[in-house]
Each structure stands twice: as C-alpha cells, then as structure tokens.
Amino acid sequence: MTKSKKNADFRPNDFVVYPAHGVGRIVSIDEQEIAGIKMEMFVITFEKDKMTLRVPTNKATSVGMRSLSTPDIVGKAMETLKGRARVKRAMWSRRAQEYEQKINSGDLISIAEVVRDLHRNDDQREQSYSERQLYEAALERLTREVAAVSGIDEFKAQERVGELLDERAA
C-alpha cells in the first residue's frame, strides 16, 4: 500500500496543480506513519500562500492533482479570454457557486472562463465584493499557471492576461 503506480508521474521540484490551491512545487516525497500505517506523501509548497500540503502518493490523482498544463492548453485558455463574456441571468448565488466550482476544478480553461466572465472594464458597473473575490481568485490561479508553464514571472503573466482582456473590450 505504500508504493503507488502513479508515483512515477510526479517528482521532487516538479510544479503541480492542486485543484483547491493552484500551482505548487513538490519539495520532497516523505514517508510518514499515520495511525500505525506507513504512507508515502508528496510534500507540496505553495510559496505565495506560505503553505505546505502533504498528499498521499496513492491519492494524488484521485484528489485531482495534475501536472502543469501544456503550452497548447495555455494557448486555448488565452483564446478563451478573448471571447465574449457569457453571463447567465441566474441568481448571483447560483452563478457564484458555479464559478467557485470552476475555479476549484483546477481546469485552466474553466478558470479562464471565470476570469473572462467576471472581468469588468472601467466603464462598466461596479463589482460586488464577492464578485471581485471570485475574479481575483480565478485571475491568480490563471496567472500562476501561465507563469509556471511559460517560464515567466507572475507579474508578466498578469500583464499578458490583462492585455488580452483589454483587447477584447476595444
């Protein structure tokens, strides 16, 4: 039970995406004893959040942990940002729930859809607090993964995303 077939997929120093927290880096693979059972764990750090997460190696894929997206998927996510915002006429609580699910899915294209749909230009109406929180969470997840895949810093990735969103408005 300690060794996993999926263990070969992730190695120390790899960037990974954990759905609920975004992009992190595997620091090590440790063995821990929990309730008398030895378990192999991925130790993942999320630098920006100053957080460390331990994920059992045999549960990594079932909890949705994945490798970084390919440059091709990043390209599709960036194309998604150029599209028209699709805002449903449902109640805000229902839409907020859907946006939250998309963000926590860890799927880069779904996250890009949330950024696209919640982005506001200067001439548009003000965002509510919860709307702004969801937008910023989605934007942060998107820019962290774009930065990690593209090998650029987060600030440059955020500029790139911002340019695409502004182009759409023009």
N, C-alpha and C. Protein backbone atom coordinates (compact mmCIF):
# COMPACT_ATOMS: atom_id res chain seq x y z
N MET A 1 0.81 -1.21 0.00
CA MET A 1 0.00 0.00 0.00
C MET A 1 0.85 1.27 0.00
N THR A 2 2.15 1.13 0.32
CA THR A 2 2.99 2.33 0.38
C THR A 2 3.43 2.79 -1.01
N LYS A 3 3.68 1.86 -1.90
CA LYS A 3 4.12 2.26 -3.24
C LYS A 3 2.92 2.45 -4.16
N SER A 4 3.07 3.39 -5.07
CA SER A 4 1.97 3.70 -5.97
C SER A 4 2.44 3.66 -7.42
N LYS A 5 1.57 3.21 -8.30
CA LYS A 5 1.91 3.20 -9.72
C LYS A 5 2.05 4.62 -10.25
N LYS A 6 1.25 5.53 -9.70
CA LYS A 6 1.23 6.91 -10.18
C LYS A 6 2.43 7.72 -9.69
N ASN A 7 3.19 7.18 -8.76
CA ASN A 7 4.31 7.90 -8.17
C ASN A 7 5.30 8.38 -9.23
N ALA A 8 5.44 7.63 -10.32
CA ALA A 8 6.40 7.99 -11.36
C ALA A 8 6.00 9.29 -12.08
N ASP A 9 4.73 9.68 -11.98
CA ASP A 9 4.27 10.88 -12.66
C ASP A 9 4.81 12.17 -12.06
N PHE A 10 5.03 12.18 -10.74
CA PHE A 10 5.46 13.40 -10.05
C PHE A 10 6.78 13.17 -9.34
N ARG A 11 7.68 14.13 -9.46
CA ARG A 11 8.99 14.04 -8.82
C ARG A 11 9.27 15.33 -8.04
N PRO A 12 10.19 15.27 -7.08
CA PRO A 12 10.56 16.49 -6.37
C PRO A 12 11.01 17.58 -7.37
N ASN A 13 10.68 18.82 -7.05
CA ASN A 13 10.95 20.02 -7.86
C ASN A 13 9.99 20.19 -9.03
N ASP A 14 9.07 19.25 -9.25
CA ASP A 14 8.04 19.42 -10.29
C ASP A 14 7.00 20.43 -9.81
N PHE A 15 6.52 21.23 -10.74
CA PHE A 15 5.36 22.07 -10.45
C PHE A 15 4.13 21.21 -10.69
N VAL A 16 3.15 21.31 -9.80
CA VAL A 16 1.90 20.58 -9.95
C VAL A 16 0.74 21.53 -9.67
N VAL A 17 -0.44 21.14 -10.10
CA VAL A 17 -1.64 21.91 -9.82
C VAL A 17 -2.50 21.09 -8.88
N TYR A 18 -2.78 21.66 -7.71
CA TYR A 18 -3.69 21.03 -6.77
C TYR A 18 -4.97 21.84 -6.88
N PRO A 19 -6.10 21.22 -7.27
CA PRO A 19 -7.32 21.96 -7.60
C PRO A 19 -7.75 23.04 -6.59
N ALA A 20 -7.70 22.74 -5.32
CA ALA A 20 -8.19 23.71 -4.33
C ALA A 20 -7.20 24.82 -4.03
N HIS A 21 -5.92 24.68 -4.44
CA HIS A 21 -4.92 25.67 -4.07
C HIS A 21 -4.12 26.24 -5.23
N GLY A 22 -4.20 25.65 -6.39
CA GLY A 22 -3.48 26.18 -7.54
C GLY A 22 -2.11 25.54 -7.71
N VAL A 23 -1.15 26.34 -8.22
CA VAL A 23 0.17 25.83 -8.57
C VAL A 23 1.07 25.76 -7.34
N GLY A 24 1.67 24.60 -7.15
CA GLY A 24 2.63 24.40 -6.07
C GLY A 24 3.82 23.61 -6.60
N ARG A 25 4.84 23.46 -5.75
CA ARG A 25 6.03 22.72 -6.15
C ARG A 25 6.24 21.56 -5.17
N ILE A 26 6.49 20.38 -5.73
CA ILE A 26 6.79 19.23 -4.87
C ILE A 26 8.19 19.42 -4.32
N VAL A 27 8.29 19.46 -2.99
CA VAL A 27 9.57 19.65 -2.34
C VAL A 27 10.25 18.30 -2.12
N SER A 28 9.46 17.32 -1.68
CA SER A 28 10.03 16.00 -1.43
C SER A 28 8.91 14.96 -1.41
N ILE A 29 9.35 13.71 -1.34
CA ILE A 29 8.41 12.60 -1.14
C ILE A 29 8.87 11.93 0.15
N ASP A 30 8.05 12.10 1.19
CA ASP A 30 8.40 11.59 2.52
C ASP A 30 7.56 10.39 2.87
N GLU A 31 8.04 9.63 3.86
CA GLU A 31 7.25 8.54 4.39
C GLU A 31 6.82 8.94 5.80
N GLN A 32 5.55 8.81 6.09
CA GLN A 32 5.01 9.17 7.40
C GLN A 32 4.19 8.02 7.93
N GLU A 33 4.18 7.89 9.25
CA GLU A 33 3.35 6.86 9.86
C GLU A 33 2.11 7.54 10.44
N ILE A 34 0.97 7.12 9.96
CA ILE A 34 -0.30 7.68 10.42
C ILE A 34 -1.17 6.52 10.88
N ALA A 35 -1.57 6.57 12.14
CA ALA A 35 -2.40 5.51 12.74
C ALA A 35 -1.79 4.12 12.53
N GLY A 36 -0.47 4.06 12.66
CA GLY A 36 0.22 2.78 12.54
C GLY A 36 0.45 2.31 11.12
N ILE A 37 0.06 3.10 10.14
CA ILE A 37 0.24 2.72 8.73
C ILE A 37 1.28 3.65 8.11
N LYS A 38 2.29 3.06 7.49
CA LYS A 38 3.29 3.88 6.81
C LYS A 38 2.72 4.33 5.47
N MET A 39 2.80 5.64 5.23
CA MET A 39 2.28 6.19 3.98
C MET A 39 3.34 7.06 3.32
N GLU A 40 3.39 6.99 2.01
CA GLU A 40 4.29 7.83 1.24
C GLU A 40 3.51 9.11 0.89
N MET A 41 4.13 10.26 1.12
CA MET A 41 3.45 11.54 0.92
C MET A 41 4.26 12.46 0.00
N PHE A 42 3.53 13.17 -0.88
CA PHE A 42 4.12 14.28 -1.62
C PHE A 42 4.06 15.48 -0.68
N VAL A 43 5.18 16.17 -0.52
CA VAL A 43 5.19 17.40 0.26
C VAL A 43 5.22 18.54 -0.75
N ILE A 44 4.13 19.30 -0.81
CA ILE A 44 3.97 20.35 -1.81
C ILE A 44 3.95 21.71 -1.11
N THR A 45 4.73 22.66 -1.61
CA THR A 45 4.70 24.00 -1.03
C THR A 45 4.04 24.95 -2.02
N PHE A 46 3.31 25.87 -1.45
CA PHE A 46 2.68 26.96 -2.21
C PHE A 46 3.31 28.23 -1.67
N GLU A 47 4.39 28.67 -2.34
CA GLU A 47 5.20 29.79 -1.85
C GLU A 47 4.38 31.03 -1.52
N LYS A 48 3.54 31.43 -2.45
CA LYS A 48 2.80 32.69 -2.27
C LYS A 48 1.85 32.63 -1.08
N ASP A 49 1.28 31.44 -0.82
CA ASP A 49 0.36 31.29 0.30
C ASP A 49 1.07 30.91 1.60
N LYS A 50 2.40 30.69 1.50
CA LYS A 50 3.19 30.22 2.65
C LYS A 50 2.53 29.00 3.29
N MET A 51 2.26 28.01 2.44
CA MET A 51 1.53 26.84 2.88
C MET A 51 2.26 25.58 2.40
N THR A 52 2.20 24.54 3.21
CA THR A 52 2.73 23.24 2.84
C THR A 52 1.60 22.24 2.93
N LEU A 53 1.51 21.40 1.93
CA LEU A 53 0.44 20.40 1.86
C LEU A 53 1.07 19.03 1.71
N ARG A 54 0.54 18.06 2.41
CA ARG A 54 1.01 16.68 2.28
C ARG A 54 -0.11 15.86 1.66
N VAL A 55 0.19 15.23 0.54
CA VAL A 55 -0.80 14.44 -0.18
C VAL A 55 -0.28 13.01 -0.31
N PRO A 56 -1.05 12.02 0.16
CA PRO A 56 -0.62 10.64 -0.01
C PRO A 56 -0.40 10.35 -1.50
N THR A 57 0.72 9.71 -1.82
CA THR A 57 1.04 9.46 -3.23
C THR A 57 -0.02 8.62 -3.92
N ASN A 58 -0.65 7.71 -3.18
CA ASN A 58 -1.66 6.86 -3.82
C ASN A 58 -2.99 7.57 -4.01
N LYS A 59 -3.15 8.77 -3.45
CA LYS A 59 -4.40 9.53 -3.60
C LYS A 59 -4.23 10.76 -4.50
N ALA A 60 -3.01 11.01 -4.95
CA ALA A 60 -2.73 12.24 -5.70
C ALA A 60 -3.65 12.45 -6.90
N THR A 61 -3.80 11.44 -7.74
CA THR A 61 -4.63 11.62 -8.93
C THR A 61 -6.12 11.63 -8.59
N SER A 62 -6.52 10.87 -7.57
CA SER A 62 -7.95 10.84 -7.23
C SER A 62 -8.42 12.17 -6.62
N VAL A 63 -7.52 12.95 -6.01
CA VAL A 63 -7.92 14.26 -5.48
C VAL A 63 -7.79 15.34 -6.55
N GLY A 64 -7.34 14.95 -7.74
CA GLY A 64 -7.29 15.90 -8.85
C GLY A 64 -5.94 16.56 -9.07
N MET A 65 -4.92 16.15 -8.33
CA MET A 65 -3.59 16.74 -8.54
C MET A 65 -3.12 16.38 -9.94
N ARG A 66 -2.56 17.35 -10.64
CA ARG A 66 -2.12 17.10 -12.01
C ARG A 66 -0.85 17.88 -12.31
N SER A 67 -0.21 17.51 -13.41
CA SER A 67 0.96 18.26 -13.87
C SER A 67 0.48 19.59 -14.45
N LEU A 68 1.44 20.49 -14.68
CA LEU A 68 1.08 21.76 -15.31
C LEU A 68 0.47 21.51 -16.68
N SER A 69 -0.35 22.44 -17.13
CA SER A 69 -0.95 22.34 -18.46
C SER A 69 0.13 22.44 -19.52
N THR A 70 -0.17 21.93 -20.69
CA THR A 70 0.77 22.06 -21.81
C THR A 70 0.66 23.47 -22.38
N PRO A 71 1.69 23.94 -23.09
CA PRO A 71 1.59 25.26 -23.72
C PRO A 71 0.37 25.38 -24.64
N ASP A 72 -0.04 24.24 -25.23
CA ASP A 72 -1.21 24.22 -26.11
C ASP A 72 -2.48 24.59 -25.32
N ILE A 73 -2.63 24.01 -24.13
CA ILE A 73 -3.80 24.30 -23.29
C ILE A 73 -3.75 25.74 -22.79
N VAL A 74 -2.56 26.23 -22.47
CA VAL A 74 -2.41 27.64 -22.06
C VAL A 74 -2.86 28.54 -23.21
N GLY A 75 -2.51 28.18 -24.43
CA GLY A 75 -2.94 28.94 -25.60
C GLY A 75 -4.45 28.97 -25.74
N LYS A 76 -5.08 27.81 -25.51
CA LYS A 76 -6.54 27.74 -25.58
C LYS A 76 -7.18 28.58 -24.47
N ALA A 77 -6.59 28.57 -23.30
CA ALA A 77 -7.10 29.38 -22.19
C ALA A 77 -7.00 30.86 -22.53
N MET A 78 -5.89 31.25 -23.15
CA MET A 78 -5.71 32.66 -23.54
C MET A 78 -6.71 33.05 -24.62
N GLU A 79 -7.01 32.11 -25.53
CA GLU A 79 -8.03 32.37 -26.55
C GLU A 79 -9.40 32.55 -25.90
N THR A 80 -9.66 31.76 -24.86
CA THR A 80 -10.93 31.85 -24.13
C THR A 80 -11.12 33.26 -23.58
N LEU A 81 -10.03 33.87 -23.13
CA LEU A 81 -10.11 35.23 -22.57
C LEU A 81 -10.56 36.25 -23.61
N LYS A 82 -10.26 35.99 -24.88
CA LYS A 82 -10.62 36.93 -25.95
C LYS A 82 -12.11 36.89 -26.29
N GLY A 83 -12.77 35.79 -25.91
CA GLY A 83 -14.19 35.62 -26.26
C GLY A 83 -15.11 36.57 -25.52
N ARG A 84 -16.37 36.54 -25.90
CA ARG A 84 -17.38 37.36 -25.24
C ARG A 84 -17.75 36.77 -23.89
N ALA A 85 -17.95 37.63 -22.92
CA ALA A 85 -18.36 37.17 -21.59
C ALA A 85 -19.74 36.54 -21.70
N ARG A 86 -19.89 35.38 -21.07
CA ARG A 86 -21.19 34.70 -21.06
C ARG A 86 -21.74 34.77 -19.65
N VAL A 87 -22.56 35.75 -19.41
CA VAL A 87 -23.13 35.90 -18.07
C VAL A 87 -24.58 35.44 -18.12
N LYS A 88 -24.86 34.40 -17.38
CA LYS A 88 -26.22 33.87 -17.33
C LYS A 88 -27.09 34.79 -16.48
N ARG A 89 -28.36 34.73 -16.69
CA ARG A 89 -29.29 35.58 -15.95
C ARG A 89 -29.76 34.92 -14.66
N ALA A 90 -29.08 33.87 -14.24
CA ALA A 90 -29.45 33.19 -13.00
C ALA A 90 -29.12 34.08 -11.80
N MET A 91 -29.65 33.71 -10.65
CA MET A 91 -29.36 34.47 -9.43
C MET A 91 -27.87 34.43 -9.14
N TRP A 92 -27.36 35.50 -8.49
CA TRP A 92 -25.93 35.59 -8.22
C TRP A 92 -25.43 34.41 -7.39
N SER A 93 -26.20 33.97 -6.41
CA SER A 93 -25.74 32.88 -5.55
C SER A 93 -25.49 31.60 -6.37
N ARG A 94 -26.33 31.34 -7.34
CA ARG A 94 -26.18 30.17 -8.21
C ARG A 94 -24.95 30.34 -9.11
N ARG A 95 -24.80 31.53 -9.71
CA ARG A 95 -23.64 31.78 -10.57
C ARG A 95 -22.34 31.71 -9.77
N ALA A 96 -22.36 32.28 -8.56
CA ALA A 96 -21.17 32.28 -7.70
C ALA A 96 -20.74 30.85 -7.40
N GLN A 97 -21.72 30.00 -7.15
CA GLN A 97 -21.44 28.59 -6.87
C GLN A 97 -20.78 27.92 -8.08
N GLU A 98 -21.31 28.21 -9.26
CA GLU A 98 -20.74 27.64 -10.49
C GLU A 98 -19.32 28.14 -10.71
N TYR A 99 -19.10 29.44 -10.49
CA TYR A 99 -17.76 30.00 -10.66
C TYR A 99 -16.78 29.36 -9.67
N GLU A 100 -17.22 29.19 -8.44
CA GLU A 100 -16.40 28.56 -7.40
C GLU A 100 -16.01 27.13 -7.81
N GLN A 101 -16.98 26.39 -8.36
CA GLN A 101 -16.70 25.03 -8.81
C GLN A 101 -15.68 25.01 -9.95
N LYS A 102 -15.82 25.96 -10.88
CA LYS A 102 -14.88 26.03 -11.99
C LYS A 102 -13.47 26.35 -11.49
N ILE A 103 -13.36 27.28 -10.56
CA ILE A 103 -12.06 27.66 -10.02
C ILE A 103 -11.42 26.46 -9.32
N ASN A 104 -12.21 25.77 -8.49
CA ASN A 104 -11.67 24.65 -7.72
C ASN A 104 -11.53 23.36 -8.52
N SER A 105 -11.99 23.37 -9.78
CA SER A 105 -11.82 22.19 -10.63
C SER A 105 -10.35 22.03 -11.02
N GLY A 106 -9.64 23.15 -11.04
CA GLY A 106 -8.24 23.11 -11.44
C GLY A 106 -8.06 23.12 -12.95
N ASP A 107 -9.15 23.11 -13.71
CA ASP A 107 -9.09 23.10 -15.16
C ASP A 107 -8.80 24.52 -15.65
N LEU A 108 -7.67 24.69 -16.34
CA LEU A 108 -7.22 26.02 -16.74
C LEU A 108 -8.22 26.75 -17.64
N ILE A 109 -8.86 26.03 -18.55
CA ILE A 109 -9.81 26.68 -19.46
C ILE A 109 -11.05 27.14 -18.69
N SER A 110 -11.52 26.34 -17.74
CA SER A 110 -12.66 26.74 -16.90
C SER A 110 -12.32 27.98 -16.08
N ILE A 111 -11.11 28.02 -15.56
CA ILE A 111 -10.67 29.18 -14.78
C ILE A 111 -10.62 30.42 -15.68
N ALA A 112 -10.13 30.24 -16.91
CA ALA A 112 -10.09 31.36 -17.87
C ALA A 112 -11.50 31.86 -18.17
N GLU A 113 -12.49 30.95 -18.23
CA GLU A 113 -13.88 31.35 -18.47
C GLU A 113 -14.38 32.24 -17.33
N VAL A 114 -14.02 31.90 -16.09
CA VAL A 114 -14.44 32.70 -14.94
C VAL A 114 -13.81 34.10 -15.02
N VAL A 115 -12.52 34.16 -15.36
CA VAL A 115 -11.84 35.45 -15.49
C VAL A 115 -12.53 36.28 -16.58
N ARG A 116 -12.79 35.65 -17.72
CA ARG A 116 -13.44 36.35 -18.84
C ARG A 116 -14.82 36.87 -18.43
N ASP A 117 -15.62 36.02 -17.78
CA ASP A 117 -16.99 36.39 -17.43
C ASP A 117 -17.07 37.45 -16.34
N LEU A 118 -16.11 37.47 -15.43
CA LEU A 118 -16.17 38.42 -14.31
C LEU A 118 -15.33 39.68 -14.52
N HIS A 119 -14.57 39.73 -15.62
CA HIS A 119 -13.75 40.91 -15.88
C HIS A 119 -14.62 42.13 -16.16
N ARG A 120 -14.27 43.23 -15.53
CA ARG A 120 -15.00 44.49 -15.74
C ARG A 120 -14.05 45.55 -16.30
N ASN A 121 -14.53 46.27 -17.30
CA ASN A 121 -13.77 47.41 -17.80
C ASN A 121 -14.10 48.61 -16.93
N ASP A 122 -13.31 49.66 -17.07
CA ASP A 122 -13.51 50.85 -16.25
C ASP A 122 -14.90 51.47 -16.44
N ASP A 123 -15.45 51.35 -17.66
CA ASP A 123 -16.74 51.99 -17.94
C ASP A 123 -17.94 51.13 -17.53
N GLN A 124 -17.69 49.90 -17.06
CA GLN A 124 -18.80 49.04 -16.67
C GLN A 124 -19.14 49.21 -15.19
N ARG A 125 -20.29 48.67 -14.82
CA ARG A 125 -20.75 48.83 -13.44
C ARG A 125 -19.76 48.24 -12.44
N GLU A 126 -19.87 48.70 -11.23
CA GLU A 126 -19.00 48.26 -10.13
C GLU A 126 -19.25 46.79 -9.79
N GLN A 127 -18.18 46.07 -9.39
CA GLN A 127 -18.32 44.69 -8.97
C GLN A 127 -18.67 44.62 -7.49
N SER A 128 -19.46 43.63 -7.12
CA SER A 128 -19.74 43.42 -5.70
C SER A 128 -18.49 42.80 -5.07
N TYR A 129 -18.43 42.80 -3.75
CA TYR A 129 -17.29 42.26 -3.04
C TYR A 129 -17.07 40.78 -3.40
N SER A 130 -18.14 39.98 -3.38
CA SER A 130 -17.99 38.55 -3.66
C SER A 130 -17.58 38.30 -5.11
N GLU A 131 -18.09 39.14 -6.01
CA GLU A 131 -17.73 39.03 -7.42
C GLU A 131 -16.24 39.30 -7.61
N ARG A 132 -15.78 40.35 -6.95
CA ARG A 132 -14.36 40.74 -7.03
C ARG A 132 -13.47 39.64 -6.42
N GLN A 133 -13.90 39.03 -5.31
CA GLN A 133 -13.14 37.96 -4.67
C GLN A 133 -12.98 36.77 -5.62
N LEU A 134 -14.07 36.37 -6.26
CA LEU A 134 -14.02 35.25 -7.19
C LEU A 134 -13.13 35.58 -8.40
N TYR A 135 -13.27 36.79 -8.90
CA TYR A 135 -12.46 37.23 -10.05
C TYR A 135 -10.98 37.18 -9.70
N GLU A 136 -10.63 37.73 -8.55
CA GLU A 136 -9.21 37.77 -8.15
C GLU A 136 -8.66 36.37 -7.90
N ALA A 137 -9.47 35.48 -7.33
CA ALA A 137 -9.03 34.10 -7.09
C ALA A 137 -8.76 33.41 -8.43
N ALA A 138 -9.68 33.57 -9.38
CA ALA A 138 -9.52 32.95 -10.70
C ALA A 138 -8.32 33.54 -11.44
N LEU A 139 -8.17 34.86 -11.38
CA LEU A 139 -7.06 35.54 -12.05
C LEU A 139 -5.73 35.07 -11.48
N GLU A 140 -5.66 34.92 -10.18
CA GLU A 140 -4.42 34.48 -9.54
C GLU A 140 -4.06 33.06 -9.96
N ARG A 141 -5.05 32.16 -9.97
CA ARG A 141 -4.79 30.77 -10.39
C ARG A 141 -4.32 30.73 -11.84
N LEU A 142 -5.01 31.51 -12.68
CA LEU A 142 -4.67 31.53 -14.11
C LEU A 142 -3.25 32.06 -14.32
N THR A 143 -2.93 33.19 -13.70
CA THR A 143 -1.61 33.79 -13.93
C THR A 143 -0.48 32.94 -13.35
N ARG A 144 -0.72 32.28 -12.22
CA ARG A 144 0.33 31.41 -11.66
C ARG A 144 0.66 30.27 -12.60
N GLU A 145 -0.38 29.66 -13.17
CA GLU A 145 -0.11 28.53 -14.07
C GLU A 145 0.48 29.01 -15.39
N VAL A 146 0.00 30.12 -15.93
CA VAL A 146 0.56 30.67 -17.16
C VAL A 146 2.04 31.00 -16.94
N ALA A 147 2.35 31.59 -15.79
CA ALA A 147 3.74 31.94 -15.48
C ALA A 147 4.61 30.70 -15.38
N ALA A 148 4.13 29.68 -14.68
CA ALA A 148 4.91 28.45 -14.49
C ALA A 148 5.14 27.73 -15.82
N VAL A 149 4.11 27.67 -16.67
CA VAL A 149 4.23 26.97 -17.96
C VAL A 149 5.13 27.77 -18.91
N SER A 150 4.96 29.09 -18.94
CA SER A 150 5.70 29.94 -19.87
C SER A 150 7.11 30.27 -19.40
N GLY A 151 7.40 30.01 -18.13
CA GLY A 151 8.72 30.32 -17.59
C GLY A 151 8.94 31.80 -17.39
N ILE A 152 7.87 32.54 -17.12
CA ILE A 152 7.98 33.98 -16.85
C ILE A 152 7.48 34.23 -15.43
N ASP A 153 7.72 35.44 -14.92
CA ASP A 153 7.23 35.70 -13.56
C ASP A 153 5.74 36.05 -13.59
N GLU A 154 5.11 35.98 -12.43
CA GLU A 154 3.66 36.17 -12.35
C GLU A 154 3.22 37.54 -12.82
N PHE A 155 4.03 38.55 -12.56
CA PHE A 155 3.68 39.92 -12.97
C PHE A 155 3.56 40.01 -14.49
N LYS A 156 4.53 39.41 -15.21
CA LYS A 156 4.47 39.41 -16.68
C LYS A 156 3.26 38.63 -17.18
N ALA A 157 2.96 37.51 -16.53
CA ALA A 157 1.80 36.70 -16.92
C ALA A 157 0.52 37.49 -16.71
N GLN A 158 0.45 38.23 -15.60
CA GLN A 158 -0.75 39.03 -15.32
C GLN A 158 -0.89 40.16 -16.35
N GLU A 159 0.23 40.74 -16.76
CA GLU A 159 0.19 41.78 -17.80
C GLU A 159 -0.36 41.20 -19.10
N ARG A 160 0.12 40.00 -19.46
CA ARG A 160 -0.32 39.34 -20.69
C ARG A 160 -1.82 39.07 -20.67
N VAL A 161 -2.31 38.56 -19.54
CA VAL A 161 -3.74 38.30 -19.38
C VAL A 161 -4.53 39.60 -19.47
N GLY A 162 -4.02 40.64 -18.79
CA GLY A 162 -4.68 41.95 -18.80
C GLY A 162 -4.77 42.53 -20.21
N GLU A 163 -3.71 42.37 -20.98
CA GLU A 163 -3.70 42.88 -22.36
C GLU A 163 -4.79 42.18 -23.19
N LEU A 164 -4.90 40.87 -23.05
CA LEU A 164 -5.92 40.14 -23.79
C LEU A 164 -7.32 40.58 -23.42
N LEU A 165 -7.55 40.80 -22.12
CA LEU A 165 -8.87 41.24 -21.65
C LEU A 165 -9.18 42.65 -22.15
N ASP A 166 -8.17 43.51 -22.19
CA ASP A 166 -8.37 44.88 -22.68
C ASP A 166 -8.60 44.91 -24.18
N GLU A 167 -7.91 44.03 -24.92
CA GLU A 167 -8.10 43.93 -26.38
C GLU A 167 -9.54 43.59 -26.71
N ARG A 168 -10.08 42.69 -25.92
CA ARG A 168 -11.46 42.24 -26.12
C ARG A 168 -12.43 43.40 -26.01
N ALA A 169 -12.15 44.30 -25.09
CA ALA A 169 -13.04 45.43 -24.85
C ALA A 169 -12.98 46.46 -25.96
N ALA A 170 -11.83 46.57 -26.59
CA ALA A 170 -11.64 47.61 -27.61
C ALA A 170 -12.38 47.33 -28.90
